[in-house]
Amino acid sequence: MDHCIISFPESNFSPLSLQFNARLGEYLTLENSPILFGCRTGLCGTCLVRVVGEIPPPGAEEKELLAILSPDDAQARLACQIRLTGDIAIRTYQSDEI
């Protein structure tokens, strides 16, 4: 697999095809996704999303912030920290459950 498909269920945004191992935060913009970004470094939590699909587990710093922002939600991730290893569906955290 050399590309991964990122879809945005229940939004008007079209799916994106991005390179395998790409960092999601480097490619998503207001024009191509419903995801908002602040710092893009994993410190502010603005890009909190729910993810369905296979991605690597969060690193230590991301885990710390997720424990505060979304305790006990296994689908919660910071979009800026996601490295693509497969097709995923993402929704803004304010949306209903995936």
PDB file of N, CA and C in Angstrom:
ATOM      1  N   MET A   1       0.855  -1.177   0.000  1.00  0.00           N
ATOM      2  CA  MET A   1       0.000   0.000   0.000  1.00  0.00           C
ATOM      3  C   MET A   1       0.898   1.236   0.000  1.00  0.00           C
ATOM      4  N   ASP A   2       0.719   2.123  -0.960  1.00  0.00           N
ATOM      5  CA  ASP A   2       1.520   3.338  -0.980  1.00  0.00           C
ATOM      6  C   ASP A   2       0.698   4.590  -0.703  1.00  0.00           C
ATOM      7  N   HIS A   3      -0.627   4.445  -0.677  1.00  0.00           N
ATOM      8  CA  HIS A   3      -1.515   5.556  -0.339  1.00  0.00           C
ATOM      9  C   HIS A   3      -2.574   5.103   0.646  1.00  0.00           C
ATOM     10  N   CYS A   4      -3.047   6.038   1.443  1.00  0.00           N
ATOM     11  CA  CYS A   4      -4.117   5.784   2.403  1.00  0.00           C
ATOM     12  C   CYS A   4      -5.267   6.735   2.090  1.00  0.00           C
ATOM     13  N   ILE A   5      -6.487   6.259   2.289  1.00  0.00           N
ATOM     14  CA  ILE A   5      -7.677   7.070   2.061  1.00  0.00           C
ATOM     15  C   ILE A   5      -8.182   7.571   3.411  1.00  0.00           C
ATOM     16  N   ILE A   6      -8.381   8.880   3.477  1.00  0.00           N
ATOM     17  CA  ILE A   6      -8.911   9.512   4.682  1.00  0.00           C
ATOM     18  C   ILE A   6     -10.294  10.025   4.333  1.00  0.00           C
ATOM     19  N   SER A   7     -11.306   9.529   5.037  1.00  0.00           N
ATOM     20  CA  SER A   7     -12.673   9.979   4.768  1.00  0.00           C
ATOM     21  C   SER A   7     -13.205  10.750   5.967  1.00  0.00           C
ATOM     22  N   PHE A   8     -14.193  11.574   5.690  1.00  0.00           N
ATOM     23  CA  PHE A   8     -14.801  12.437   6.700  1.00  0.00           C
ATOM     24  C   PHE A   8     -16.304  12.183   6.724  1.00  0.00           C
ATOM     25  N   PRO A   9     -16.742  11.112   7.392  1.00  0.00           N
ATOM     26  CA  PRO A   9     -18.165  10.752   7.403  1.00  0.00           C
ATOM     27  C   PRO A   9     -19.049  11.910   7.877  1.00  0.00           C
ATOM     28  N   GLU A  10     -20.217  11.976   7.291  1.00  0.00           N
ATOM     29  CA  GLU A  10     -21.224  12.976   7.633  1.00  0.00           C
ATOM     30  C   GLU A  10     -20.715  14.401   7.503  1.00  0.00           C
ATOM     31  N   SER A  11     -19.860  14.626   6.529  1.00  0.00           N
ATOM     32  CA  SER A  11     -19.426  15.991   6.210  1.00  0.00           C
ATOM     33  C   SER A  11     -19.523  16.144   4.694  1.00  0.00           C
ATOM     34  N   ASN A  12     -19.326  17.341   4.217  1.00  0.00           N
ATOM     35  CA  ASN A  12     -19.354  17.601   2.778  1.00  0.00           C
ATOM     36  C   ASN A  12     -17.984  17.482   2.143  1.00  0.00           C
ATOM     37  N   PHE A  13     -16.989  17.060   2.917  1.00  0.00           N
ATOM     38  CA  PHE A  13     -15.626  16.976   2.411  1.00  0.00           C
ATOM     39  C   PHE A  13     -15.382  15.639   1.719  1.00  0.00           C
ATOM     40  N   SER A  14     -14.713  15.708   0.575  1.00  0.00           N
ATOM     41  CA  SER A  14     -14.388  14.505  -0.188  1.00  0.00           C
ATOM     42  C   SER A  14     -13.240  13.757   0.486  1.00  0.00           C
ATOM     43  N   PRO A  15     -13.192  12.428   0.317  1.00  0.00           N
ATOM     44  CA  PRO A  15     -12.053  11.665   0.836  1.00  0.00           C
ATOM     45  C   PRO A  15     -10.748  12.138   0.197  1.00  0.00           C
ATOM     46  N   LEU A  16      -9.676  11.993   0.942  1.00  0.00           N
ATOM     47  CA  LEU A  16      -8.344  12.359   0.463  1.00  0.00           C
ATOM     48  C   LEU A  16      -7.499  11.107   0.332  1.00  0.00           C
ATOM     49  N   SER A  17      -6.602  11.107  -0.627  1.00  0.00           N
ATOM     50  CA  SER A  17      -5.624  10.045  -0.771  1.00  0.00           C
ATOM     51  C   SER A  17      -4.263  10.647  -0.437  1.00  0.00           C
ATOM     52  N   LEU A  18      -3.649  10.147   0.635  1.00  0.00           N
ATOM     53  CA  LEU A  18      -2.353  10.659   1.063  1.00  0.00           C
ATOM     54  C   LEU A  18      -1.333   9.533   1.108  1.00  0.00           C
ATOM     55  N   GLN A  19      -0.103   9.892   0.999  1.00  0.00           N
ATOM     56  CA  GLN A  19       1.011   8.949   1.010  1.00  0.00           C
ATOM     57  C   GLN A  19       1.048   8.154   2.313  1.00  0.00           C
ATOM     58  N   PHE A  20       1.328   6.863   2.228  1.00  0.00           N
ATOM     59  CA  PHE A  20       1.538   6.014   3.388  1.00  0.00           C
ATOM     60  C   PHE A  20       2.627   6.640   4.257  1.00  0.00           C
ATOM     61  N   ASN A  21       2.441   6.650   5.557  1.00  0.00           N
ATOM     62  CA  ASN A  21       3.356   7.207   6.561  1.00  0.00           C
ATOM     63  C   ASN A  21       3.347   8.730   6.627  1.00  0.00           C
ATOM     64  N   ALA A  22       2.465   9.398   5.860  1.00  0.00           N
ATOM     65  CA  ALA A  22       2.365  10.853   5.951  1.00  0.00           C
ATOM     66  C   ALA A  22       1.812  11.238   7.317  1.00  0.00           C
ATOM     67  N   ARG A  23       2.205  12.392   7.798  1.00  0.00           N
ATOM     68  CA  ARG A  23       1.629  12.951   9.026  1.00  0.00           C
ATOM     69  C   ARG A  23       0.402  13.762   8.615  1.00  0.00           C
ATOM     70  N   LEU A  24      -0.744  13.365   9.139  1.00  0.00           N
ATOM     71  CA  LEU A  24      -2.016  13.965   8.743  1.00  0.00           C
ATOM     72  C   LEU A  24      -2.018  15.484   8.906  1.00  0.00           C
ATOM     73  N   GLY A  25      -1.456  15.980   9.990  1.00  0.00           N
ATOM     74  CA  GLY A  25      -1.459  17.413  10.262  1.00  0.00           C
ATOM     75  C   GLY A  25      -0.728  18.247   9.236  1.00  0.00           C
ATOM     76  N   GLU A  26       0.124  17.635   8.432  1.00  0.00           N
ATOM     77  CA  GLU A  26       0.861  18.372   7.411  1.00  0.00           C
ATOM     78  C   GLU A  26       0.038  18.584   6.138  1.00  0.00           C
ATOM     79  N   TYR A  27      -1.085  17.881   6.002  1.00  0.00           N
ATOM     80  CA  TYR A  27      -1.848  17.913   4.753  1.00  0.00           C
ATOM     81  C   TYR A  27      -3.277  18.432   4.877  1.00  0.00           C
ATOM     82  N   LEU A  28      -3.851  18.372   6.071  1.00  0.00           N
ATOM     83  CA  LEU A  28      -5.232  18.824   6.211  1.00  0.00           C
ATOM     84  C   LEU A  28      -5.294  20.338   6.352  1.00  0.00           C
ATOM     85  N   THR A  29      -6.259  20.936   5.652  1.00  0.00           N
ATOM     86  CA  THR A  29      -6.475  22.372   5.700  1.00  0.00           C
ATOM     87  C   THR A  29      -7.971  22.634   5.867  1.00  0.00           C
ATOM     88  N   LEU A  30      -8.345  23.877   6.063  1.00  0.00           N
ATOM     89  CA  LEU A  30      -9.765  24.228   6.137  1.00  0.00           C
ATOM     90  C   LEU A  30     -10.469  23.980   4.814  1.00  0.00           C
ATOM     91  N   GLU A  31      -9.706  23.977   3.724  1.00  0.00           N
ATOM     92  CA  GLU A  31     -10.298  23.762   2.408  1.00  0.00           C
ATOM     93  C   GLU A  31     -10.562  22.290   2.105  1.00  0.00           C
ATOM     94  N   ASN A  32      -9.808  21.363   2.721  1.00  0.00           N
ATOM     95  CA  ASN A  32      -9.971  19.948   2.358  1.00  0.00           C
ATOM     96  C   ASN A  32     -10.467  19.054   3.486  1.00  0.00           C
ATOM     97  N   SER A  33     -10.753  19.629   4.675  1.00  0.00           N
ATOM     98  CA  SER A  33     -11.242  18.805   5.781  1.00  0.00           C
ATOM     99  C   SER A  33     -12.009  19.644   6.802  1.00  0.00           C
ATOM    100  N   PRO A  34     -12.812  18.990   7.641  1.00  0.00           N
ATOM    101  CA  PRO A  34     -13.532  19.712   8.688  1.00  0.00           C
ATOM    102  C   PRO A  34     -12.700  19.881   9.968  1.00  0.00           C
ATOM    103  N   ILE A  35     -11.449  19.443   9.955  1.00  0.00           N
ATOM    104  CA  ILE A  35     -10.623  19.440  11.156  1.00  0.00           C
ATOM    105  C   ILE A  35      -9.950  20.795  11.344  1.00  0.00           C
ATOM    106  N   LEU A  36     -10.085  21.356  12.535  1.00  0.00           N
ATOM    107  CA  LEU A  36      -9.429  22.615  12.875  1.00  0.00           C
ATOM    108  C   LEU A  36      -8.096  22.321  13.550  1.00  0.00           C
ATOM    109  N   PHE A  37      -7.125  23.161  13.310  1.00  0.00           N
ATOM    110  CA  PHE A  37      -5.810  23.023  13.929  1.00  0.00           C
ATOM    111  C   PHE A  37      -5.434  24.310  14.626  1.00  0.00           C
ATOM    112  N   GLY A  38      -4.700  24.173  15.714  1.00  0.00           N
ATOM    113  CA  GLY A  38      -4.129  25.324  16.400  1.00  0.00           C
ATOM    114  C   GLY A  38      -2.626  25.268  16.241  1.00  0.00           C
ATOM    115  N   CYS A  39      -1.967  24.580  17.150  1.00  0.00           N
ATOM    116  CA  CYS A  39      -0.505  24.561  17.179  1.00  0.00           C
ATOM    117  C   CYS A  39       0.137  23.579  16.203  1.00  0.00           C
ATOM    118  N   ARG A  40      -0.556  22.505  15.852  1.00  0.00           N
ATOM    119  CA  ARG A  40      -0.043  21.423  14.996  1.00  0.00           C
ATOM    120  C   ARG A  40       1.161  20.689  15.590  1.00  0.00           C
ATOM    121  N   THR A  41       1.337  20.816  16.903  1.00  0.00           N
ATOM    122  CA  THR A  41       2.440  20.122  17.581  1.00  0.00           C
ATOM    123  C   THR A  41       1.959  19.175  18.671  1.00  0.00           C
ATOM    124  N   GLY A  42       0.652  19.084  18.876  1.00  0.00           N
ATOM    125  CA  GLY A  42       0.117  18.177  19.889  1.00  0.00           C
ATOM    126  C   GLY A  42       0.015  18.777  21.273  1.00  0.00           C
ATOM    127  N   LEU A  43       0.066  20.095  21.377  1.00  0.00           N
ATOM    128  CA  LEU A  43       0.014  20.735  22.689  1.00  0.00           C
ATOM    129  C   LEU A  43      -1.316  21.391  23.026  1.00  0.00           C
ATOM    130  N   CYS A  44      -2.083  21.809  22.012  1.00  0.00           N
ATOM    131  CA  CYS A  44      -3.281  22.613  22.301  1.00  0.00           C
ATOM    132  C   CYS A  44      -4.581  21.812  22.337  1.00  0.00           C
ATOM    133  N   GLY A  45      -4.657  20.687  21.632  1.00  0.00           N
ATOM    134  CA  GLY A  45      -5.866  19.873  21.627  1.00  0.00           C
ATOM    135  C   GLY A  45      -6.948  20.329  20.666  1.00  0.00           C
ATOM    136  N   THR A  46      -6.704  21.363  19.876  1.00  0.00           N
ATOM    137  CA  THR A  46      -7.707  21.871  18.939  1.00  0.00           C
ATOM    138  C   THR A  46      -8.128  20.814  17.926  1.00  0.00           C
ATOM    139  N   CYS A  47      -7.204  19.967  17.516  1.00  0.00           N
ATOM    140  CA  CYS A  47      -7.475  18.991  16.447  1.00  0.00           C
ATOM    141  C   CYS A  47      -7.941  17.629  16.983  1.00  0.00           C
ATOM    142  N   LEU A  48      -8.547  17.619  18.161  1.00  0.00           N
ATOM    143  CA  LEU A  48      -9.070  16.380  18.729  1.00  0.00           C
ATOM    144  C   LEU A  48     -10.132  15.790  17.806  1.00  0.00           C
ATOM    145  N   VAL A  49      -9.974  14.534  17.437  1.00  0.00           N
ATOM    146  CA  VAL A  49     -10.891  13.848  16.522  1.00  0.00           C
ATOM    147  C   VAL A  49     -11.192  12.443  17.039  1.00  0.00           C
ATOM    148  N   ARG A  50     -12.190  11.826  16.426  1.00  0.00           N
ATOM    149  CA  ARG A  50     -12.449  10.390  16.624  1.00  0.00           C
ATOM    150  C   ARG A  50     -12.028   9.689  15.342  1.00  0.00           C
ATOM    151  N   VAL A  51     -11.293   8.599  15.501  1.00  0.00           N
ATOM    152  CA  VAL A  51     -10.733   7.885  14.362  1.00  0.00           C
ATOM    153  C   VAL A  51     -11.230   6.445  14.337  1.00  0.00           C
ATOM    154  N   VAL A  52     -11.638   5.990  13.160  1.00  0.00           N
ATOM    155  CA  VAL A  52     -11.929   4.575  12.939  1.00  0.00           C
ATOM    156  C   VAL A  52     -10.943   4.106  11.876  1.00  0.00           C
ATOM    157  N   GLY A  53     -10.178   3.109  12.208  1.00  0.00           N
ATOM    158  CA  GLY A  53      -9.175   2.581  11.298  1.00  0.00           C
ATOM    159  C   GLY A  53      -7.891   2.301  12.059  1.00  0.00           C
ATOM    160  N   GLU A  54      -6.958   1.669  11.368  1.00  0.00           N
ATOM    161  CA  GLU A  54      -5.699   1.282  11.996  1.00  0.00           C
ATOM    162  C   GLU A  54      -4.673   2.393  11.869  1.00  0.00           C
ATOM    163  N   ILE A  55      -4.222   2.896  13.025  1.00  0.00           N
ATOM    164  CA  ILE A  55      -3.140   3.869  13.074  1.00  0.00           C
ATOM    165  C   ILE A  55      -2.241   3.493  14.246  1.00  0.00           C
ATOM    166  N   PRO A  56      -0.997   3.947  14.221  1.00  0.00           N
ATOM    167  CA  PRO A  56      -0.109   3.644  15.342  1.00  0.00           C
ATOM    168  C   PRO A  56      -0.660   4.231  16.647  1.00  0.00           C
ATOM    169  N   PRO A  57      -0.333   3.641  17.788  1.00  0.00           N
ATOM    170  CA  PRO A  57      -0.811   4.169  19.068  1.00  0.00           C
ATOM    171  C   PRO A  57      -0.211   5.546  19.353  1.00  0.00           C
ATOM    172  N   PRO A  58      -0.868   6.311  20.211  1.00  0.00           N
ATOM    173  CA  PRO A  58      -0.346   7.644  20.526  1.00  0.00           C
ATOM    174  C   PRO A  58       0.963   7.558  21.312  1.00  0.00           C
ATOM    175  N   GLY A  59       1.799   8.571  21.132  1.00  0.00           N
ATOM    176  CA  GLY A  59       3.027   8.676  21.899  1.00  0.00           C
ATOM    177  C   GLY A  59       2.726   9.153  23.313  1.00  0.00           C
ATOM    178  N   ALA A  60       3.727   9.221  24.146  1.00  0.00           N
ATOM    179  CA  ALA A  60       3.562   9.570  25.559  1.00  0.00           C
ATOM    180  C   ALA A  60       2.926  10.941  25.759  1.00  0.00           C
ATOM    181  N   GLU A  61       3.407  11.960  25.030  1.00  0.00           N
ATOM    182  CA  GLU A  61       2.858  13.303  25.202  1.00  0.00           C
ATOM    183  C   GLU A  61       1.408  13.390  24.734  1.00  0.00           C
ATOM    184  N   GLU A  62       1.094  12.714  23.623  1.00  0.00           N
ATOM    185  CA  GLU A  62      -0.290  12.711  23.140  1.00  0.00           C
ATOM    186  C   GLU A  62      -1.179  11.992  24.141  1.00  0.00           C
ATOM    187  N   LYS A  63      -0.714  10.888  24.703  1.00  0.00           N
ATOM    188  CA  LYS A  63      -1.498  10.148  25.705  1.00  0.00           C
ATOM    189  C   LYS A  63      -1.855  11.032  26.887  1.00  0.00           C
ATOM    190  N   GLU A  64      -0.896  11.843  27.329  1.00  0.00           N
ATOM    191  CA  GLU A  64      -1.152  12.743  28.465  1.00  0.00           C
ATOM    192  C   GLU A  64      -2.283  13.713  28.159  1.00  0.00           C
ATOM    193  N   LEU A  65      -2.271  14.312  26.983  1.00  0.00           N
ATOM    194  CA  LEU A  65      -3.311  15.266  26.619  1.00  0.00           C
ATOM    195  C   LEU A  65      -4.646  14.559  26.392  1.00  0.00           C
ATOM    196  N   LEU A  66      -4.624  13.391  25.774  1.00  0.00           N
ATOM    197  CA  LEU A  66      -5.863  12.640  25.567  1.00  0.00           C
ATOM    198  C   LEU A  66      -6.503  12.238  26.899  1.00  0.00           C
ATOM    199  N   ALA A  67      -5.697  11.943  27.905  1.00  0.00           N
ATOM    200  CA  ALA A  67      -6.224  11.574  29.227  1.00  0.00           C
ATOM    201  C   ALA A  67      -7.006  12.727  29.846  1.00  0.00           C
ATOM    202  N   ILE A  68      -6.631  13.950  29.492  1.00  0.00           N
ATOM    203  CA  ILE A  68      -7.333  15.131  30.005  1.00  0.00           C
ATOM    204  C   ILE A  68      -8.557  15.447  29.148  1.00  0.00           C
ATOM    205  N   LEU A  69      -8.384  15.461  27.830  1.00  0.00           N
ATOM    206  CA  LEU A  69      -9.441  15.902  26.917  1.00  0.00           C
ATOM    207  C   LEU A  69     -10.514  14.854  26.648  1.00  0.00           C
ATOM    208  N   SER A  70     -10.146  13.589  26.653  1.00  0.00           N
ATOM    209  CA  SER A  70     -11.089  12.535  26.272  1.00  0.00           C
ATOM    210  C   SER A  70     -10.785  11.239  27.019  1.00  0.00           C
ATOM    211  N   PRO A  71     -10.847  11.271  28.340  1.00  0.00           N
ATOM    212  CA  PRO A  71     -10.515  10.060  29.096  1.00  0.00           C
ATOM    213  C   PRO A  71     -11.415   8.891  28.700  1.00  0.00           C
ATOM    214  N   ASP A  72     -10.825   7.740  28.598  1.00  0.00           N
ATOM    215  CA  ASP A  72     -11.555   6.499  28.310  1.00  0.00           C
ATOM    216  C   ASP A  72     -12.189   6.436  26.921  1.00  0.00           C
ATOM    217  N   ASP A  73     -11.747   7.253  25.975  1.00  0.00           N
ATOM    218  CA  ASP A  73     -12.256   7.186  24.606  1.00  0.00           C
ATOM    219  C   ASP A  73     -11.136   6.661  23.707  1.00  0.00           C
ATOM    220  N   ALA A  74     -11.201   5.385  23.375  1.00  0.00           N
ATOM    221  CA  ALA A  74     -10.139   4.737  22.594  1.00  0.00           C
ATOM    222  C   ALA A  74     -10.048   5.263  21.160  1.00  0.00           C
ATOM    223  N   GLN A  75     -11.105   5.911  20.666  1.00  0.00           N
ATOM    224  CA  GLN A  75     -11.089   6.444  19.303  1.00  0.00           C
ATOM    225  C   GLN A  75     -10.553   7.867  19.230  1.00  0.00           C
ATOM    226  N   ALA A  76     -10.361   8.511  20.365  1.00  0.00           N
ATOM    227  CA  ALA A  76      -9.902   9.895  20.378  1.00  0.00           C
ATOM    228  C   ALA A  76      -8.419   9.979  20.048  1.00  0.00           C
ATOM    229  N   ARG A  77      -8.086  10.915  19.179  1.00  0.00           N
ATOM    230  CA  ARG A  77      -6.687  11.170  18.806  1.00  0.00           C
ATOM    231  C   ARG A  77      -6.530  12.640  18.447  1.00  0.00           C
ATOM    232  N   LEU A  78      -5.300  13.107  18.430  1.00  0.00           N
ATOM    233  CA  LEU A  78      -4.978  14.438  17.936  1.00  0.00           C
ATOM    234  C   LEU A  78      -4.592  14.281  16.466  1.00  0.00           C
ATOM    235  N   ALA A  79      -5.353  14.905  15.585  1.00  0.00           N
ATOM    236  CA  ALA A  79      -5.121  14.722  14.148  1.00  0.00           C
ATOM    237  C   ALA A  79      -3.704  15.108  13.740  1.00  0.00           C
ATOM    238  N   CYS A  80      -3.137  16.101  14.395  1.00  0.00           N
ATOM    239  CA  CYS A  80      -1.788  16.549  14.013  1.00  0.00           C
ATOM    240  C   CYS A  80      -0.726  15.491  14.308  1.00  0.00           C
ATOM    241  N   GLN A  81      -1.034  14.522  15.157  1.00  0.00           N
ATOM    242  CA  GLN A  81      -0.059  13.507  15.545  1.00  0.00           C
ATOM    243  C   GLN A  81      -0.236  12.187  14.801  1.00  0.00           C
ATOM    244  N   ILE A  82      -1.269  12.062  13.976  1.00  0.00           N
ATOM    245  CA  ILE A  82      -1.560  10.794  13.306  1.00  0.00           C
ATOM    246  C   ILE A  82      -0.620  10.569  12.125  1.00  0.00           C
ATOM    247  N   ARG A  83       0.033   9.415  12.139  1.00  0.00           N
ATOM    248  CA  ARG A  83       0.845   8.959  11.011  1.00  0.00           C
ATOM    249  C   ARG A  83       0.026   7.904  10.289  1.00  0.00           C
ATOM    250  N   LEU A  84      -0.159   8.062   8.997  1.00  0.00           N
ATOM    251  CA  LEU A  84      -1.046   7.187   8.228  1.00  0.00           C
ATOM    252  C   LEU A  84      -0.407   5.837   7.921  1.00  0.00           C
ATOM    253  N   THR A  85      -1.085   4.790   8.352  1.00  0.00           N
ATOM    254  CA  THR A  85      -0.631   3.426   8.067  1.00  0.00           C
ATOM    255  C   THR A  85      -1.748   2.591   7.460  1.00  0.00           C
ATOM    256  N   GLY A  86      -2.867   3.226   7.167  1.00  0.00           N
ATOM    257  CA  GLY A  86      -4.007   2.540   6.565  1.00  0.00           C
ATOM    258  C   GLY A  86      -5.137   3.530   6.346  1.00  0.00           C
ATOM    259  N   ASP A  87      -6.201   3.065   5.732  1.00  0.00           N
ATOM    260  CA  ASP A  87      -7.365   3.909   5.492  1.00  0.00           C
ATOM    261  C   ASP A  87      -8.048   4.213   6.819  1.00  0.00           C
ATOM    262  N   ILE A  88      -8.495   5.471   6.993  1.00  0.00           N
ATOM    263  CA  ILE A  88      -9.179   5.858   8.222  1.00  0.00           C
ATOM    264  C   ILE A  88     -10.373   6.747   7.913  1.00  0.00           C
ATOM    265  N   ALA A  89     -11.305   6.768   8.857  1.00  0.00           N
ATOM    266  CA  ALA A  89     -12.418   7.708   8.844  1.00  0.00           C
ATOM    267  C   ALA A  89     -12.254   8.571  10.085  1.00  0.00           C
ATOM    268  N   ILE A  90     -12.342   9.887   9.916  1.00  0.00           N
ATOM    269  CA  ILE A  90     -12.208  10.764  11.078  1.00  0.00           C
ATOM    270  C   ILE A  90     -13.354  11.749  11.132  1.00  0.00           C
ATOM    271  N   ARG A  91     -13.736  12.078  12.365  1.00  0.00           N
ATOM    272  CA  ARG A  91     -14.772  13.077  12.627  1.00  0.00           C
ATOM    273  C   ARG A  91     -14.261  14.024  13.688  1.00  0.00           C
ATOM    274  N   THR A  92     -14.738  15.255  13.629  1.00  0.00           N
ATOM    275  CA  THR A  92     -14.398  16.185  14.685  1.00  0.00           C
ATOM    276  C   THR A  92     -14.945  15.639  15.989  1.00  0.00           C
ATOM    277  N   TYR A  93     -14.301  15.929  17.057  1.00  0.00           N
ATOM    278  CA  TYR A  93     -14.687  15.337  18.337  1.00  0.00           C
ATOM    279  C   TYR A  93     -16.061  15.776  18.794  1.00  0.00           C
ATOM    280  N   GLN A  94     -16.507  16.928  18.378  1.00  0.00           N
ATOM    281  CA  GLN A  94     -17.818  17.409  18.769  1.00  0.00           C
ATOM    282  C   GLN A  94     -18.953  16.651  18.093  1.00  0.00           C
ATOM    283  N   SER A  95     -18.645  15.903  17.037  1.00  0.00           N
ATOM    284  CA  SER A  95     -19.660  15.141  16.311  1.00  0.00           C
ATOM    285  C   SER A  95     -20.149  13.958  17.135  1.00  0.00           C
ATOM    286  N   ASP A  96     -21.212  13.357  16.689  1.00  0.00           N
ATOM    287  CA  ASP A  96     -21.714  12.151  17.330  1.00  0.00           C
ATOM    288  C   ASP A  96     -20.707  11.019  17.168  1.00  0.00           C
ATOM    289  N   GLU A  97     -20.902   9.944  17.890  1.00  0.00           N
ATOM    290  CA  GLU A  97     -20.016   8.790  17.810  1.00  0.00           C
ATOM    291  C   GLU A  97     -19.884   8.299  16.362  1.00  0.00           C
ATOM    292  N   ILE A  98     -18.713   7.796  16.023  1.00  0.00           N
ATOM    293  CA  ILE A  98     -18.493   7.245  14.680  1.00  0.00           C
ATOM    294  C   ILE A  98     -19.216   5.927  14.567  1.00  0.00           C
TER     295      ILE A  98
END
